[in-house]
Amino acid sequence: MTAQPSASPVDAHRQKLRAVGVEIAELTSADIADYVELVSSAYRGEGSKQGWTTEADLLGGQRLDGPMAEDMLAEADSQILLARDEQGRAVASVYVREPEDGAAYLGVLAVSPLGQGKGVGSALIGLAEAWVAEHWGATSMRMSVISKREELIAYYERRGYSRTGEVEPFPYGDERFGLPKVDDLEFVLLSKPLG
């Protein structure tokens, strides 16, 4: 009897996502419109308030537009993973950037309000962590979260992320990132060792 090769961690996470009816692929230019709509639905506007990840009470305006998404896609040192459901609808995505000093970056994790509460976000985080370790040799993952998003920070902490003590300013005055509704926004940095 021949031993079956064991699945890689990336394949194992893809299987978890398939089990909840989601397929993952690397974003292409043909996906840009769906990607922008997905990110907007998860973070901004009235529709985002159906889910718990909304930023609509802190920020108005756009979260992402087509040209910004195209710029992200064109980056040589990053990857965007897009999840589609069985009907082909974009339901989740995550952006990862190659490591600096072993630390990859996770950003723009978006799960459609209709897809939240089904384990898709957690499974996608696991896939992103496995992906950066397997493809880029990352030894840790970093991310930045708006400090006022305590529920979201707690969500990441339950998944092994810790506050680093570092903060970054919010880009006030740059409407590409939204229209602040409060004047004390900043980002806290979180980190998690991988492996």
C-alpha atoms as a PDB file:
ATOM      1  CA  MET A   1       0.000   0.000   0.000  1.00  0.00           C
ATOM      2  CA  THR A   2       1.400   3.392  -1.009  1.00  0.00           C
ATOM      3  CA  ALA A   3       1.217   6.138   1.570  1.00  0.00           C
ATOM      4  CA  GLN A   4      -0.778   9.161   0.485  1.00  0.00           C
ATOM      5  CA  PRO A   5       1.142  12.428   0.659  1.00  0.00           C
ATOM      6  CA  SER A   6      -0.122  14.608   3.477  1.00  0.00           C
ATOM      7  CA  ALA A   7      -1.884  17.803   2.522  1.00  0.00           C
ATOM      8  CA  SER A   8      -0.001  21.047   3.009  1.00  0.00           C
ATOM      9  CA  PRO A   9      -1.357  23.467   5.622  1.00  0.00           C
ATOM     10  CA  VAL A  10      -2.661  25.665   2.778  1.00  0.00           C
ATOM     11  CA  ASP A  11      -4.546  22.706   1.288  1.00  0.00           C
ATOM     12  CA  ALA A  12      -5.939  21.798   4.712  1.00  0.00           C
ATOM     13  CA  HIS A  13      -7.329  25.331   5.133  1.00  0.00           C
ATOM     14  CA  ARG A  14      -8.764  25.277   1.607  1.00  0.00           C
ATOM     15  CA  GLN A  15     -10.585  22.064   2.594  1.00  0.00           C
ATOM     16  CA  LYS A  16     -12.039  23.766   5.687  1.00  0.00           C
ATOM     17  CA  LEU A  17     -13.375  26.546   3.487  1.00  0.00           C
ATOM     18  CA  ARG A  18     -14.797  24.075   0.962  1.00  0.00           C
ATOM     19  CA  ALA A  19     -16.629  22.405   3.852  1.00  0.00           C
ATOM     20  CA  VAL A  20     -18.586  25.647   4.392  1.00  0.00           C
ATOM     21  CA  GLY A  21     -19.244  26.050   0.658  1.00  0.00           C
ATOM     22  CA  VAL A  22     -16.452  28.463  -0.261  1.00  0.00           C
ATOM     23  CA  GLU A  23     -13.715  28.198  -2.902  1.00  0.00           C
ATOM     24  CA  ILE A  24     -10.530  30.297  -2.744  1.00  0.00           C
ATOM     25  CA  ALA A  25      -8.583  31.735  -5.662  1.00  0.00           C
ATOM     26  CA  GLU A  26      -5.963  34.417  -6.149  1.00  0.00           C
ATOM     27  CA  LEU A  27      -7.574  37.705  -7.201  1.00  0.00           C
ATOM     28  CA  THR A  28      -7.347  38.624 -10.892  1.00  0.00           C
ATOM     29  CA  SER A  29      -8.223  41.826 -12.727  1.00  0.00           C
ATOM     30  CA  ALA A  30     -11.553  40.235 -13.694  1.00  0.00           C
ATOM     31  CA  ASP A  31     -12.450  40.115  -9.975  1.00  0.00           C
ATOM     32  CA  ILE A  32     -11.831  43.804  -9.173  1.00  0.00           C
ATOM     33  CA  ALA A  33     -15.474  44.991  -9.263  1.00  0.00           C
ATOM     34  CA  ASP A  34     -16.625  42.074  -7.075  1.00  0.00           C
ATOM     35  CA  TYR A  35     -13.720  42.675  -4.681  1.00  0.00           C
ATOM     36  CA  VAL A  36     -14.498  46.378  -4.251  1.00  0.00           C
ATOM     37  CA  GLU A  37     -18.192  45.620  -3.676  1.00  0.00           C
ATOM     38  CA  LEU A  38     -17.330  42.906  -1.134  1.00  0.00           C
ATOM     39  CA  VAL A  39     -14.983  45.137   0.876  1.00  0.00           C
ATOM     40  CA  SER A  40     -17.513  47.970   0.848  1.00  0.00           C
ATOM     41  CA  SER A  41     -20.296  45.646   2.036  1.00  0.00           C
ATOM     42  CA  ALA A  42     -18.194  44.455   4.968  1.00  0.00           C
ATOM     43  CA  TYR A  43     -16.961  47.841   6.194  1.00  0.00           C
ATOM     44  CA  ARG A  44     -18.968  50.860   5.039  1.00  0.00           C
ATOM     45  CA  GLY A  45     -22.476  52.104   4.439  1.00  0.00           C
ATOM     46  CA  GLU A  46     -25.830  51.005   5.782  1.00  0.00           C
ATOM     47  CA  GLY A  47     -25.531  47.483   4.338  1.00  0.00           C
ATOM     48  CA  SER A  48     -22.380  46.865   6.385  1.00  0.00           C
ATOM     49  CA  LYS A  49     -24.379  47.381   9.593  1.00  0.00           C
ATOM     50  CA  GLN A  50     -25.974  43.959   9.004  1.00  0.00           C
ATOM     51  CA  GLY A  51     -22.629  42.482  10.072  1.00  0.00           C
ATOM     52  CA  TRP A  52     -20.452  43.049  13.116  1.00  0.00           C
ATOM     53  CA  THR A  53     -17.305  44.177  11.240  1.00  0.00           C
ATOM     54  CA  THR A  54     -18.741  47.511  10.104  1.00  0.00           C
ATOM     55  CA  GLU A  55     -16.782  50.744  10.441  1.00  0.00           C
ATOM     56  CA  ALA A  56     -19.821  52.806   9.379  1.00  0.00           C
ATOM     57  CA  ASP A  57     -20.157  54.534  12.770  1.00  0.00           C
ATOM     58  CA  LEU A  58     -16.520  55.677  12.651  1.00  0.00           C
ATOM     59  CA  LEU A  59     -15.988  56.343   8.936  1.00  0.00           C
ATOM     60  CA  GLY A  60     -18.095  57.327   5.955  1.00  0.00           C
ATOM     61  CA  GLY A  61     -17.181  57.355   2.305  1.00  0.00           C
ATOM     62  CA  GLN A  62     -15.345  54.583   0.536  1.00  0.00           C
ATOM     63  CA  ARG A  63     -13.171  51.833   1.984  1.00  0.00           C
ATOM     64  CA  LEU A  64     -11.728  50.860  -1.394  1.00  0.00           C
ATOM     65  CA  ASP A  65     -12.224  51.841  -5.021  1.00  0.00           C
ATOM     66  CA  GLY A  66     -11.324  50.228  -8.342  1.00  0.00           C
ATOM     67  CA  PRO A  67      -8.028  52.086  -8.890  1.00  0.00           C
ATOM     68  CA  MET A  68      -6.874  51.314  -5.322  1.00  0.00           C
ATOM     69  CA  ALA A  69      -7.741  47.635  -5.808  1.00  0.00           C
ATOM     70  CA  GLU A  70      -5.882  47.576  -9.136  1.00  0.00           C
ATOM     71  CA  ASP A  71      -2.830  49.118  -7.446  1.00  0.00           C
ATOM     72  CA  MET A  72      -2.988  46.448  -4.721  1.00  0.00           C
ATOM     73  CA  LEU A  73      -3.268  43.710  -7.352  1.00  0.00           C
ATOM     74  CA  ALA A  74      -0.259  45.118  -9.225  1.00  0.00           C
ATOM     75  CA  GLU A  75       2.022  45.009  -6.159  1.00  0.00           C
ATOM     76  CA  ALA A  76       4.797  42.492  -6.737  1.00  0.00           C
ATOM     77  CA  ASP A  77       5.144  41.723  -3.022  1.00  0.00           C
ATOM     78  CA  SER A  78       1.530  40.951  -2.120  1.00  0.00           C
ATOM     79  CA  GLN A  79      -1.387  38.635  -2.807  1.00  0.00           C
ATOM     80  CA  ILE A  80      -5.159  38.936  -2.467  1.00  0.00           C
ATOM     81  CA  LEU A  81      -7.116  35.743  -1.847  1.00  0.00           C
ATOM     82  CA  LEU A  82     -10.800  35.846  -2.812  1.00  0.00           C
ATOM     83  CA  ALA A  83     -13.481  33.447  -1.608  1.00  0.00           C
ATOM     84  CA  ARG A  84     -16.582  32.756  -3.671  1.00  0.00           C
ATOM     85  CA  ASP A  85     -19.633  30.796  -2.590  1.00  0.00           C
ATOM     86  CA  GLU A  86     -21.328  28.042  -4.573  1.00  0.00           C
ATOM     87  CA  GLN A  87     -23.307  30.665  -6.526  1.00  0.00           C
ATOM     88  CA  GLY A  88     -20.083  32.419  -7.532  1.00  0.00           C
ATOM     89  CA  ARG A  89     -20.626  35.447  -5.259  1.00  0.00           C
ATOM     90  CA  ALA A  90     -17.555  37.042  -3.671  1.00  0.00           C
ATOM     91  CA  VAL A  91     -18.098  36.457   0.066  1.00  0.00           C
ATOM     92  CA  ALA A  92     -14.688  36.977   1.666  1.00  0.00           C
ATOM     93  CA  SER A  93     -11.153  38.152   0.947  1.00  0.00           C
ATOM     94  CA  VAL A  94      -7.824  38.817   2.561  1.00  0.00           C
ATOM     95  CA  TYR A  95      -4.736  40.781   1.498  1.00  0.00           C
ATOM     96  CA  VAL A  96      -1.261  39.613   2.499  1.00  0.00           C
ATOM     97  CA  ARG A  97       2.106  41.246   1.912  1.00  0.00           C
ATOM     98  CA  GLU A  98       5.541  39.604   1.874  1.00  0.00           C
ATOM     99  CA  PRO A  99       7.505  39.553   5.106  1.00  0.00           C
ATOM    100  CA  GLU A 100       9.810  42.258   6.353  1.00  0.00           C
ATOM    101  CA  ASP A 101      12.202  40.767   8.912  1.00  0.00           C
ATOM    102  CA  GLY A 102      10.099  37.575   8.833  1.00  0.00           C
ATOM    103  CA  ALA A 103       6.783  39.348   9.543  1.00  0.00           C
ATOM    104  CA  ALA A 104       4.155  39.208   6.797  1.00  0.00           C
ATOM    105  CA  TYR A 105       1.248  41.662   6.841  1.00  0.00           C
ATOM    106  CA  LEU A 106      -2.457  40.782   6.847  1.00  0.00           C
ATOM    107  CA  GLY A 107      -4.955  43.443   5.827  1.00  0.00           C
ATOM    108  CA  VAL A 108      -8.351  44.114   4.312  1.00  0.00           C
ATOM    109  CA  LEU A 109      -9.879  40.955   5.762  1.00  0.00           C
ATOM    110  CA  ALA A 110     -13.451  41.233   4.522  1.00  0.00           C
ATOM    111  CA  VAL A 111     -16.383  38.884   5.000  1.00  0.00           C
ATOM    112  CA  SER A 112     -19.751  39.807   3.520  1.00  0.00           C
ATOM    113  CA  PRO A 113     -22.357  40.449   6.243  1.00  0.00           C
ATOM    114  CA  LEU A 114     -24.346  37.578   4.721  1.00  0.00           C
ATOM    115  CA  GLY A 115     -21.367  35.255   5.231  1.00  0.00           C
ATOM    116  CA  GLN A 116     -20.429  36.299   8.764  1.00  0.00           C
ATOM    117  CA  GLY A 117     -20.888  33.935  11.689  1.00  0.00           C
ATOM    118  CA  LYS A 118     -20.124  30.807   9.639  1.00  0.00           C
ATOM    119  CA  GLY A 119     -16.415  30.458  10.411  1.00  0.00           C
ATOM    120  CA  VAL A 120     -15.328  31.837   7.028  1.00  0.00           C
ATOM    121  CA  GLY A 121     -13.281  34.678   8.540  1.00  0.00           C
ATOM    122  CA  SER A 122     -11.409  32.429  10.962  1.00  0.00           C
ATOM    123  CA  ALA A 123     -10.737  29.864   8.234  1.00  0.00           C
ATOM    124  CA  LEU A 124      -9.513  32.599   5.886  1.00  0.00           C
ATOM    125  CA  ILE A 125      -7.142  33.947   8.557  1.00  0.00           C
ATOM    126  CA  GLY A 126      -5.785  30.414   8.989  1.00  0.00           C
ATOM    127  CA  LEU A 127      -5.345  30.084   5.235  1.00  0.00           C
ATOM    128  CA  ALA A 128      -3.558  33.454   5.021  1.00  0.00           C
ATOM    129  CA  GLU A 129      -1.185  32.461   7.828  1.00  0.00           C
ATOM    130  CA  ALA A 130      -0.410  29.131   6.167  1.00  0.00           C
ATOM    131  CA  TRP A 131      -0.074  30.824   2.754  1.00  0.00           C
ATOM    132  CA  VAL A 132       2.555  33.378   3.886  1.00  0.00           C
ATOM    133  CA  ALA A 133       4.509  30.699   5.751  1.00  0.00           C
ATOM    134  CA  GLU A 134       4.443  28.272   2.811  1.00  0.00           C
ATOM    135  CA  HIS A 135       5.037  30.762  -0.022  1.00  0.00           C
ATOM    136  CA  TRP A 136       7.240  33.362   1.644  1.00  0.00           C
ATOM    137  CA  GLY A 137       8.716  31.676   4.717  1.00  0.00           C
ATOM    138  CA  ALA A 138       7.044  34.156   7.090  1.00  0.00           C
ATOM    139  CA  THR A 139       7.614  33.476  10.780  1.00  0.00           C
ATOM    140  CA  SER A 140       4.993  35.917  12.062  1.00  0.00           C
ATOM    141  CA  MET A 141       2.000  37.945  10.888  1.00  0.00           C
ATOM    142  CA  ARG A 142       1.265  41.588  11.641  1.00  0.00           C
ATOM    143  CA  MET A 143      -1.828  43.687  11.148  1.00  0.00           C
ATOM    144  CA  SER A 144      -3.197  47.100  12.055  1.00  0.00           C
ATOM    145  CA  VAL A 145      -6.700  47.676  13.436  1.00  0.00           C
ATOM    146  CA  ILE A 146      -8.493  50.917  14.313  1.00  0.00           C
ATOM    147  CA  SER A 147      -8.070  51.244  18.078  1.00  0.00           C
ATOM    148  CA  LYS A 148     -11.777  51.965  18.631  1.00  0.00           C
ATOM    149  CA  ARG A 149     -12.673  48.557  17.161  1.00  0.00           C
ATOM    150  CA  GLU A 150     -12.338  46.734  20.510  1.00  0.00           C
ATOM    151  CA  GLU A 151     -14.662  43.878  19.460  1.00  0.00           C
ATOM    152  CA  LEU A 152     -12.569  43.269  16.342  1.00  0.00           C
ATOM    153  CA  ILE A 153      -9.303  43.457  18.285  1.00  0.00           C
ATOM    154  CA  ALA A 154     -10.720  40.898  20.758  1.00  0.00           C
ATOM    155  CA  TYR A 155     -11.640  38.653  17.789  1.00  0.00           C
ATOM    156  CA  TYR A 156      -8.010  38.697  16.607  1.00  0.00           C
ATOM    157  CA  GLU A 157      -6.698  38.188  20.131  1.00  0.00           C
ATOM    158  CA  ARG A 158      -8.804  35.015  20.399  1.00  0.00           C
ATOM    159  CA  ARG A 159      -6.956  33.838  17.276  1.00  0.00           C
ATOM    160  CA  GLY A 160      -3.517  34.304  18.824  1.00  0.00           C
ATOM    161  CA  TYR A 161      -2.742  37.940  17.956  1.00  0.00           C
ATOM    162  CA  SER A 162      -1.311  40.283  20.605  1.00  0.00           C
ATOM    163  CA  ARG A 163      -1.001  44.045  20.792  1.00  0.00           C
ATOM    164  CA  THR A 164       2.579  45.104  20.147  1.00  0.00           C
ATOM    165  CA  GLY A 165       2.226  48.437  21.945  1.00  0.00           C
ATOM    166  CA  GLU A 166       2.870  50.258  18.677  1.00  0.00           C
ATOM    167  CA  VAL A 167       0.338  52.698  17.186  1.00  0.00           C
ATOM    168  CA  GLU A 168       0.122  54.391  13.792  1.00  0.00           C
ATOM    169  CA  PRO A 169      -1.788  57.562  12.905  1.00  0.00           C
ATOM    170  CA  PHE A 170      -4.973  57.414  10.839  1.00  0.00           C
ATOM    171  CA  PRO A 171      -4.499  59.096   7.405  1.00  0.00           C
ATOM    172  CA  TYR A 172      -6.768  62.089   8.102  1.00  0.00           C
ATOM    173  CA  GLY A 173      -7.230  64.231   5.019  1.00  0.00           C
ATOM    174  CA  ASP A 174      -6.869  61.338   2.560  1.00  0.00           C
ATOM    175  CA  GLU A 175     -10.453  60.669   1.474  1.00  0.00           C
ATOM    176  CA  ARG A 176      -9.386  57.498  -0.350  1.00  0.00           C
ATOM    177  CA  PHE A 177      -9.484  55.800   3.073  1.00  0.00           C
ATOM    178  CA  GLY A 178     -12.816  57.262   4.159  1.00  0.00           C
ATOM    179  CA  LEU A 179     -14.344  60.275   5.842  1.00  0.00           C
ATOM    180  CA  PRO A 180     -13.747  60.165   9.603  1.00  0.00           C
ATOM    181  CA  LYS A 181     -16.768  60.771  11.816  1.00  0.00           C
ATOM    182  CA  VAL A 182     -14.588  61.107  14.933  1.00  0.00           C
ATOM    183  CA  ASP A 183     -11.298  62.904  15.476  1.00  0.00           C
ATOM    184  CA  ASP A 184      -9.315  60.426  17.566  1.00  0.00           C
ATOM    185  CA  LEU A 185      -8.730  57.497  15.222  1.00  0.00           C
ATOM    186  CA  GLU A 186      -5.453  55.609  15.216  1.00  0.00           C
ATOM    187  CA  PHE A 187      -4.287  52.094  14.437  1.00  0.00           C
ATOM    188  CA  VAL A 188      -2.976  49.586  16.967  1.00  0.00           C
ATOM    189  CA  LEU A 189      -0.544  46.994  15.673  1.00  0.00           C
ATOM    190  CA  LEU A 190      -1.108  43.309  16.403  1.00  0.00           C
ATOM    191  CA  SER A 191       1.297  40.428  15.843  1.00  0.00           C
ATOM    192  CA  LYS A 192       1.222  36.624  15.980  1.00  0.00           C
ATOM    193  CA  PRO A 193       4.090  34.131  15.707  1.00  0.00           C
ATOM    194  CA  LEU A 194       3.537  31.487  13.020  1.00  0.00           C
ATOM    195  CA  GLY A 195       4.528  27.844  13.187  1.00  0.00           C
END
